[in-house]
Amino acid sequence: MILVLLKGIGIGLAVAAPVGPIGLLCIRRTLMDGRAAGLATGLGAATADGVYGLMVAAGFAATGVLVSYTDPLAVAGGLLVAALGVMSLRGYWAARNAPAPQAAGRGRPYRGVAAAWATTFALTLSNPMTILAFVGMIAALGSAASGTALAPYLLVVGVFTGSALWWLLLVHMAHFAGARMNAGAMHWLDLASGSVLLIWGLWIAGSAVSFS
């Protein structure tokens, strides 16, 4: 049973670790809005990973349910990523026109950790790479979950735990780096992250439309 749990943790780490728009968003929120917002962002992604792990363990992926919705989910997720990029760019221009630059997490209270969790949960669910990664792990999940009735649930717990561990590590690394960045660097971070998120989101949505 411990082996099943460890396999789930490994899968969660493997799915969460690659750098993408979710990772960039987690870093940006940690630096700009504080560690609580970053942790909520990572927890939202880990929750979505756990949901997909449960779906795969239940056999949804094997019937093609996940794959059949990849393109519409990618369009929705890409547009949401682009919208978050626009919000970052608006933050950059607002700070540029302000009397003085503001330090990270000061004077810009985040609207709430619930919003951070919800947006990242939705983004991760609509990320086509997440869907394809879990579909590709059907065999590993199926063979590991075939031992006892409790095994599939341990796998899901492992997937969530592994994903959450990665986001916890990423948030603390970003927080450590942010403590050593001045207000000017944070100001330019909004421009860089906003531009990347906008382009990345439009590319995700455009690719889904062109190949559908």
C-alpha atoms as a PDB file:
ATOM      1  CA  MET A   1       0.000   0.000   0.000  1.00  0.00           C
ATOM      2  CA  ILE A   2       2.894   2.324   0.725  1.00  0.00           C
ATOM      3  CA  LEU A   3       4.224   1.638  -2.778  1.00  0.00           C
ATOM      4  CA  VAL A   4       0.869   2.705  -4.258  1.00  0.00           C
ATOM      5  CA  LEU A   5       0.960   5.946  -2.277  1.00  0.00           C
ATOM      6  CA  LEU A   6       4.548   6.640  -3.330  1.00  0.00           C
ATOM      7  CA  LYS A   7       3.682   5.994  -6.987  1.00  0.00           C
ATOM      8  CA  GLY A   8       0.841   8.496  -6.710  1.00  0.00           C
ATOM      9  CA  ILE A   9       3.176  11.084  -5.167  1.00  0.00           C
ATOM     10  CA  GLY A  10       5.625  10.555  -8.014  1.00  0.00           C
ATOM     11  CA  ILE A  11       2.894  11.055 -10.602  1.00  0.00           C
ATOM     12  CA  GLY A  12       1.708  14.220  -8.848  1.00  0.00           C
ATOM     13  CA  LEU A  13       5.226  15.633  -8.854  1.00  0.00           C
ATOM     14  CA  ALA A  14       5.771  14.689 -12.515  1.00  0.00           C
ATOM     15  CA  VAL A  15       2.578  16.403 -13.639  1.00  0.00           C
ATOM     16  CA  ALA A  16       3.015  19.568 -11.553  1.00  0.00           C
ATOM     17  CA  ALA A  17       6.742  20.208 -12.004  1.00  0.00           C
ATOM     18  CA  PRO A  18       7.000  21.245 -15.702  1.00  0.00           C
ATOM     19  CA  VAL A  19       7.113  25.019 -16.077  1.00  0.00           C
ATOM     20  CA  GLY A  20       3.977  26.476 -17.653  1.00  0.00           C
ATOM     21  CA  PRO A  21       1.416  29.251 -17.245  1.00  0.00           C
ATOM     22  CA  ILE A  22       0.243  27.811 -13.902  1.00  0.00           C
ATOM     23  CA  GLY A  23       3.778  27.871 -12.515  1.00  0.00           C
ATOM     24  CA  LEU A  24       4.350  31.416 -13.747  1.00  0.00           C
ATOM     25  CA  LEU A  25       1.051  32.518 -12.208  1.00  0.00           C
ATOM     26  CA  CYS A  26       1.969  30.898  -8.891  1.00  0.00           C
ATOM     27  CA  ILE A  27       5.345  32.670  -8.832  1.00  0.00           C
ATOM     28  CA  ARG A  28       3.819  36.020  -9.765  1.00  0.00           C
ATOM     29  CA  ARG A  29       1.099  35.836  -7.119  1.00  0.00           C
ATOM     30  CA  THR A  30       3.628  34.837  -4.468  1.00  0.00           C
ATOM     31  CA  LEU A  31       5.880  37.775  -5.326  1.00  0.00           C
ATOM     32  CA  MET A  32       3.171  40.388  -5.874  1.00  0.00           C
ATOM     33  CA  ASP A  33       0.393  39.344  -3.498  1.00  0.00           C
ATOM     34  CA  GLY A  34       2.112  37.365  -0.776  1.00  0.00           C
ATOM     35  CA  ARG A  35       2.752  33.809   0.279  1.00  0.00           C
ATOM     36  CA  ALA A  36      -0.903  33.071   1.155  1.00  0.00           C
ATOM     37  CA  ALA A  37      -2.027  33.884  -2.405  1.00  0.00           C
ATOM     38  CA  GLY A  38       0.789  31.741  -3.809  1.00  0.00           C
ATOM     39  CA  LEU A  39      -0.102  28.797  -1.572  1.00  0.00           C
ATOM     40  CA  ALA A  40      -3.783  29.091  -2.520  1.00  0.00           C
ATOM     41  CA  THR A  41      -2.774  29.114  -6.183  1.00  0.00           C
ATOM     42  CA  GLY A  42      -0.698  25.973  -5.774  1.00  0.00           C
ATOM     43  CA  LEU A  43      -3.435  24.266  -3.774  1.00  0.00           C
ATOM     44  CA  GLY A  44      -5.916  24.989  -6.569  1.00  0.00           C
ATOM     45  CA  ALA A  45      -3.616  23.275  -9.070  1.00  0.00           C
ATOM     46  CA  ALA A  46      -3.054  20.329  -6.717  1.00  0.00           C
ATOM     47  CA  THR A  47      -6.818  19.938  -6.236  1.00  0.00           C
ATOM     48  CA  ALA A  48      -7.358  19.818 -10.002  1.00  0.00           C
ATOM     49  CA  ASP A  49      -4.580  17.230 -10.317  1.00  0.00           C
ATOM     50  CA  GLY A  50      -6.318  15.164  -7.644  1.00  0.00           C
ATOM     51  CA  VAL A  51      -9.628  15.412  -9.527  1.00  0.00           C
ATOM     52  CA  TYR A  52      -8.008  14.177 -12.744  1.00  0.00           C
ATOM     53  CA  GLY A  53      -6.279  11.420 -10.817  1.00  0.00           C
ATOM     54  CA  LEU A  54      -9.652  10.302  -9.466  1.00  0.00           C
ATOM     55  CA  MET A  55     -11.205  10.405 -12.943  1.00  0.00           C
ATOM     56  CA  VAL A  56      -8.392   8.337 -14.429  1.00  0.00           C
ATOM     57  CA  ALA A  57      -8.537   5.833 -11.575  1.00  0.00           C
ATOM     58  CA  ALA A  58     -12.296   5.543 -12.146  1.00  0.00           C
ATOM     59  CA  GLY A  59     -11.737   4.807 -15.838  1.00  0.00           C
ATOM     60  CA  PHE A  60     -13.012   8.023 -17.398  1.00  0.00           C
ATOM     61  CA  ALA A  61      -9.839   8.486 -19.438  1.00  0.00           C
ATOM     62  CA  ALA A  62     -10.037   4.970 -20.816  1.00  0.00           C
ATOM     63  CA  THR A  63     -13.433   5.766 -22.381  1.00  0.00           C
ATOM     64  CA  GLY A  64     -12.124   8.897 -24.044  1.00  0.00           C
ATOM     65  CA  VAL A  65     -14.168  11.355 -21.959  1.00  0.00           C
ATOM     66  CA  LEU A  66     -11.172  13.509 -21.044  1.00  0.00           C
ATOM     67  CA  VAL A  67      -9.674  13.545 -24.525  1.00  0.00           C
ATOM     68  CA  SER A  68     -12.967  14.437 -26.206  1.00  0.00           C
ATOM     69  CA  TYR A  69     -13.153  17.694 -24.257  1.00  0.00           C
ATOM     70  CA  THR A  70      -9.507  18.692 -24.662  1.00  0.00           C
ATOM     71  CA  ASP A  71     -10.039  21.337 -27.371  1.00  0.00           C
ATOM     72  CA  PRO A  72     -12.947  23.279 -25.802  1.00  0.00           C
ATOM     73  CA  LEU A  73     -11.240  23.184 -22.418  1.00  0.00           C
ATOM     74  CA  ALA A  74      -8.018  24.443 -24.007  1.00  0.00           C
ATOM     75  CA  VAL A  75      -9.855  27.385 -25.603  1.00  0.00           C
ATOM     76  CA  ALA A  76     -11.505  28.323 -22.301  1.00  0.00           C
ATOM     77  CA  GLY A  77      -8.283  27.903 -20.343  1.00  0.00           C
ATOM     78  CA  GLY A  78      -6.203  29.811 -22.894  1.00  0.00           C
ATOM     79  CA  LEU A  79      -8.587  32.766 -22.827  1.00  0.00           C
ATOM     80  CA  LEU A  80      -8.520  32.759 -19.023  1.00  0.00           C
ATOM     81  CA  VAL A  81      -4.705  32.763 -19.030  1.00  0.00           C
ATOM     82  CA  ALA A  82      -4.758  35.657 -21.516  1.00  0.00           C
ATOM     83  CA  ALA A  83      -7.208  37.558 -19.300  1.00  0.00           C
ATOM     84  CA  LEU A  84      -4.888  37.117 -16.308  1.00  0.00           C
ATOM     85  CA  GLY A  85      -2.062  38.427 -18.473  1.00  0.00           C
ATOM     86  CA  VAL A  86      -4.094  41.536 -19.285  1.00  0.00           C
ATOM     87  CA  MET A  87      -4.717  42.049 -15.571  1.00  0.00           C
ATOM     88  CA  SER A  88      -0.966  41.857 -14.913  1.00  0.00           C
ATOM     89  CA  LEU A  89      -0.289  44.407 -17.654  1.00  0.00           C
ATOM     90  CA  ARG A  90      -2.926  46.708 -16.189  1.00  0.00           C
ATOM     91  CA  GLY A  91      -1.140  46.402 -12.849  1.00  0.00           C
ATOM     92  CA  TYR A  92       2.110  47.404 -14.527  1.00  0.00           C
ATOM     93  CA  TRP A  93       0.632  50.530 -16.118  1.00  0.00           C
ATOM     94  CA  ALA A  94      -1.225  51.467 -12.930  1.00  0.00           C
ATOM     95  CA  ALA A  95       1.989  51.197 -10.905  1.00  0.00           C
ATOM     96  CA  ARG A  96       3.877  53.160 -13.547  1.00  0.00           C
ATOM     97  CA  ASN A  97       1.433  56.049 -13.232  1.00  0.00           C
ATOM     98  CA  ALA A  98       1.392  55.898  -9.435  1.00  0.00           C
ATOM     99  CA  PRO A  99       3.348  58.495  -7.415  1.00  0.00           C
ATOM    100  CA  ALA A 100       5.765  55.859  -6.142  1.00  0.00           C
ATOM    101  CA  PRO A 101       6.299  52.162  -6.799  1.00  0.00           C
ATOM    102  CA  GLN A 102       4.848  49.805  -4.237  1.00  0.00           C
ATOM    103  CA  ALA A 103       6.679  46.919  -2.677  1.00  0.00           C
ATOM    104  CA  ALA A 104       5.523  43.383  -3.147  1.00  0.00           C
ATOM    105  CA  GLY A 105       2.452  42.527  -1.134  1.00  0.00           C
ATOM    106  CA  ARG A 106       2.116  46.083   0.250  1.00  0.00           C
ATOM    107  CA  GLY A 107      -0.674  48.395  -0.711  1.00  0.00           C
ATOM    108  CA  ARG A 108      -2.008  45.789  -3.167  1.00  0.00           C
ATOM    109  CA  PRO A 109      -3.941  43.346  -0.985  1.00  0.00           C
ATOM    110  CA  TYR A 110      -5.072  40.306  -2.921  1.00  0.00           C
ATOM    111  CA  ARG A 111      -8.833  39.983  -3.307  1.00  0.00           C
ATOM    112  CA  GLY A 112      -8.832  36.668  -1.471  1.00  0.00           C
ATOM    113  CA  VAL A 113      -7.210  33.293  -1.329  1.00  0.00           C
ATOM    114  CA  ALA A 114     -10.509  31.734  -2.450  1.00  0.00           C
ATOM    115  CA  ALA A 115     -10.259  33.591  -5.769  1.00  0.00           C
ATOM    116  CA  ALA A 116      -6.633  32.478  -6.156  1.00  0.00           C
ATOM    117  CA  TRP A 117      -7.621  28.864  -5.527  1.00  0.00           C
ATOM    118  CA  ALA A 118     -10.665  28.964  -7.834  1.00  0.00           C
ATOM    119  CA  THR A 119      -8.945  30.539 -10.839  1.00  0.00           C
ATOM    120  CA  THR A 120      -6.005  28.133 -10.685  1.00  0.00           C
ATOM    121  CA  PHE A 121      -8.310  25.155 -10.192  1.00  0.00           C
ATOM    122  CA  ALA A 122     -10.198  26.137 -13.354  1.00  0.00           C
ATOM    123  CA  LEU A 123      -6.986  26.808 -15.277  1.00  0.00           C
ATOM    124  CA  THR A 124      -5.447  23.461 -14.366  1.00  0.00           C
ATOM    125  CA  LEU A 125      -8.625  21.575 -15.257  1.00  0.00           C
ATOM    126  CA  SER A 126      -8.641  23.251 -18.679  1.00  0.00           C
ATOM    127  CA  ASN A 127      -4.930  22.757 -19.352  1.00  0.00           C
ATOM    128  CA  PRO A 128      -4.665  20.252 -22.252  1.00  0.00           C
ATOM    129  CA  MET A 129      -1.176  19.210 -21.176  1.00  0.00           C
ATOM    130  CA  THR A 130      -2.535  18.150 -17.786  1.00  0.00           C
ATOM    131  CA  ILE A 131      -5.257  16.098 -19.452  1.00  0.00           C
ATOM    132  CA  LEU A 132      -2.831  14.376 -21.826  1.00  0.00           C
ATOM    133  CA  ALA A 133      -0.346  13.717 -19.017  1.00  0.00           C
ATOM    134  CA  PHE A 134      -2.937  11.903 -16.948  1.00  0.00           C
ATOM    135  CA  VAL A 135      -4.272   9.995 -19.956  1.00  0.00           C
ATOM    136  CA  GLY A 136      -0.717   8.828 -20.629  1.00  0.00           C
ATOM    137  CA  MET A 137      -0.516   7.466 -17.085  1.00  0.00           C
ATOM    138  CA  ILE A 138      -3.595   5.229 -17.335  1.00  0.00           C
ATOM    139  CA  ALA A 139      -1.525   2.061 -17.425  1.00  0.00           C
ATOM    140  CA  ALA A 140       0.520   2.993 -14.362  1.00  0.00           C
ATOM    141  CA  LEU A 141      -2.545   4.034 -12.411  1.00  0.00           C
ATOM    142  CA  GLY A 142      -4.516   0.983 -13.433  1.00  0.00           C
ATOM    143  CA  SER A 143      -1.843  -1.553 -12.527  1.00  0.00           C
ATOM    144  CA  ALA A 144      -1.120   0.133  -9.206  1.00  0.00           C
ATOM    145  CA  ALA A 145      -4.791   0.402  -8.282  1.00  0.00           C
ATOM    146  CA  SER A 146      -5.635  -3.224  -9.011  1.00  0.00           C
ATOM    147  CA  GLY A 147      -4.458  -4.595  -5.671  1.00  0.00           C
ATOM    148  CA  THR A 148      -7.207  -3.731  -3.177  1.00  0.00           C
ATOM    149  CA  ALA A 149     -10.352  -1.634  -3.031  1.00  0.00           C
ATOM    150  CA  LEU A 150      -8.449   1.041  -1.112  1.00  0.00           C
ATOM    151  CA  ALA A 151      -5.604   1.321  -3.641  1.00  0.00           C
ATOM    152  CA  PRO A 152      -7.290   3.774  -6.085  1.00  0.00           C
ATOM    153  CA  TYR A 153      -8.033   6.173  -3.244  1.00  0.00           C
ATOM    154  CA  LEU A 154      -4.449   5.988  -2.015  1.00  0.00           C
ATOM    155  CA  LEU A 155      -3.309   6.771  -5.547  1.00  0.00           C
ATOM    156  CA  VAL A 156      -5.474   9.891  -5.657  1.00  0.00           C
ATOM    157  CA  VAL A 157      -4.185  10.987  -2.251  1.00  0.00           C
ATOM    158  CA  GLY A 158      -0.654  10.438  -3.516  1.00  0.00           C
ATOM    159  CA  VAL A 159      -1.253  12.454  -6.687  1.00  0.00           C
ATOM    160  CA  PHE A 160      -2.654  15.351  -4.655  1.00  0.00           C
ATOM    161  CA  THR A 161       0.183  15.143  -2.117  1.00  0.00           C
ATOM    162  CA  GLY A 162       2.912  15.067  -4.757  1.00  0.00           C
ATOM    163  CA  SER A 163       1.417  18.021  -6.615  1.00  0.00           C
ATOM    164  CA  ALA A 164       0.942  19.987  -3.386  1.00  0.00           C
ATOM    165  CA  LEU A 165       4.543  19.332  -2.333  1.00  0.00           C
ATOM    166  CA  TRP A 166       5.833  20.784  -5.599  1.00  0.00           C
ATOM    167  CA  TRP A 167       3.714  23.934  -5.315  1.00  0.00           C
ATOM    168  CA  LEU A 168       4.722  24.355  -1.662  1.00  0.00           C
ATOM    169  CA  LEU A 169       8.379  24.198  -2.677  1.00  0.00           C
ATOM    170  CA  LEU A 170       7.865  26.613  -5.591  1.00  0.00           C
ATOM    171  CA  VAL A 171       6.016  29.160  -3.432  1.00  0.00           C
ATOM    172  CA  HIS A 172       8.723  29.183  -0.784  1.00  0.00           C
ATOM    173  CA  MET A 173      11.474  29.535  -3.386  1.00  0.00           C
ATOM    174  CA  ALA A 174       9.606  32.457  -4.959  1.00  0.00           C
ATOM    175  CA  HIS A 175       9.017  34.025  -1.554  1.00  0.00           C
ATOM    176  CA  PHE A 176      12.704  33.691  -0.709  1.00  0.00           C
ATOM    177  CA  ALA A 177      13.684  35.358  -3.994  1.00  0.00           C
ATOM    178  CA  GLY A 178      11.025  38.060  -3.625  1.00  0.00           C
ATOM    179  CA  ALA A 179      12.388  39.132  -0.255  1.00  0.00           C
ATOM    180  CA  ARG A 180      15.586  40.116  -2.058  1.00  0.00           C
ATOM    181  CA  MET A 181      13.928  42.034  -4.918  1.00  0.00           C
ATOM    182  CA  ASN A 182      13.345  45.773  -4.808  1.00  0.00           C
ATOM    183  CA  ALA A 183      10.145  47.572  -5.793  1.00  0.00           C
ATOM    184  CA  GLY A 184      11.498  48.422  -9.245  1.00  0.00           C
ATOM    185  CA  ALA A 185      12.129  44.756 -10.041  1.00  0.00           C
ATOM    186  CA  MET A 186       8.621  43.852  -8.895  1.00  0.00           C
ATOM    187  CA  HIS A 187       7.255  46.594 -11.120  1.00  0.00           C
ATOM    188  CA  TRP A 188       8.909  45.071 -14.196  1.00  0.00           C
ATOM    189  CA  LEU A 189       7.769  41.610 -13.137  1.00  0.00           C
ATOM    190  CA  ASP A 190       4.180  42.671 -13.836  1.00  0.00           C
ATOM    191  CA  LEU A 191       5.171  43.640 -17.378  1.00  0.00           C
ATOM    192  CA  ALA A 192       7.123  40.436 -18.053  1.00  0.00           C
ATOM    193  CA  SER A 193       4.645  38.024 -16.493  1.00  0.00           C
ATOM    194  CA  GLY A 194       1.657  39.797 -18.020  1.00  0.00           C
ATOM    195  CA  SER A 195       3.175  39.697 -21.506  1.00  0.00           C
ATOM    196  CA  VAL A 196       4.096  36.012 -21.215  1.00  0.00           C
ATOM    197  CA  LEU A 197       0.676  35.026 -19.843  1.00  0.00           C
ATOM    198  CA  LEU A 198      -1.144  36.984 -22.549  1.00  0.00           C
ATOM    199  CA  ILE A 199       0.898  35.457 -25.401  1.00  0.00           C
ATOM    200  CA  TRP A 200       0.823  31.992 -23.845  1.00  0.00           C
ATOM    201  CA  GLY A 201      -2.940  32.088 -23.340  1.00  0.00           C
ATOM    202  CA  LEU A 202      -3.650  33.248 -26.877  1.00  0.00           C
ATOM    203  CA  TRP A 203      -1.314  30.554 -28.232  1.00  0.00           C
ATOM    204  CA  ILE A 204      -3.092  27.808 -26.233  1.00  0.00           C
ATOM    205  CA  ALA A 205      -6.537  28.960 -27.380  1.00  0.00           C
ATOM    206  CA  GLY A 206      -5.396  29.536 -30.980  1.00  0.00           C
ATOM    207  CA  SER A 207      -3.746  26.123 -31.223  1.00  0.00           C
ATOM    208  CA  ALA A 208      -6.897  24.400 -29.990  1.00  0.00           C
ATOM    209  CA  VAL A 209      -9.039  26.226 -32.549  1.00  0.00           C
ATOM    210  CA  SER A 210      -6.680  25.643 -35.486  1.00  0.00           C
ATOM    211  CA  PHE A 211      -6.276  21.920 -34.826  1.00  0.00           C
ATOM    212  CA  SER A 212      -9.895  21.180 -33.939  1.00  0.00           C
END
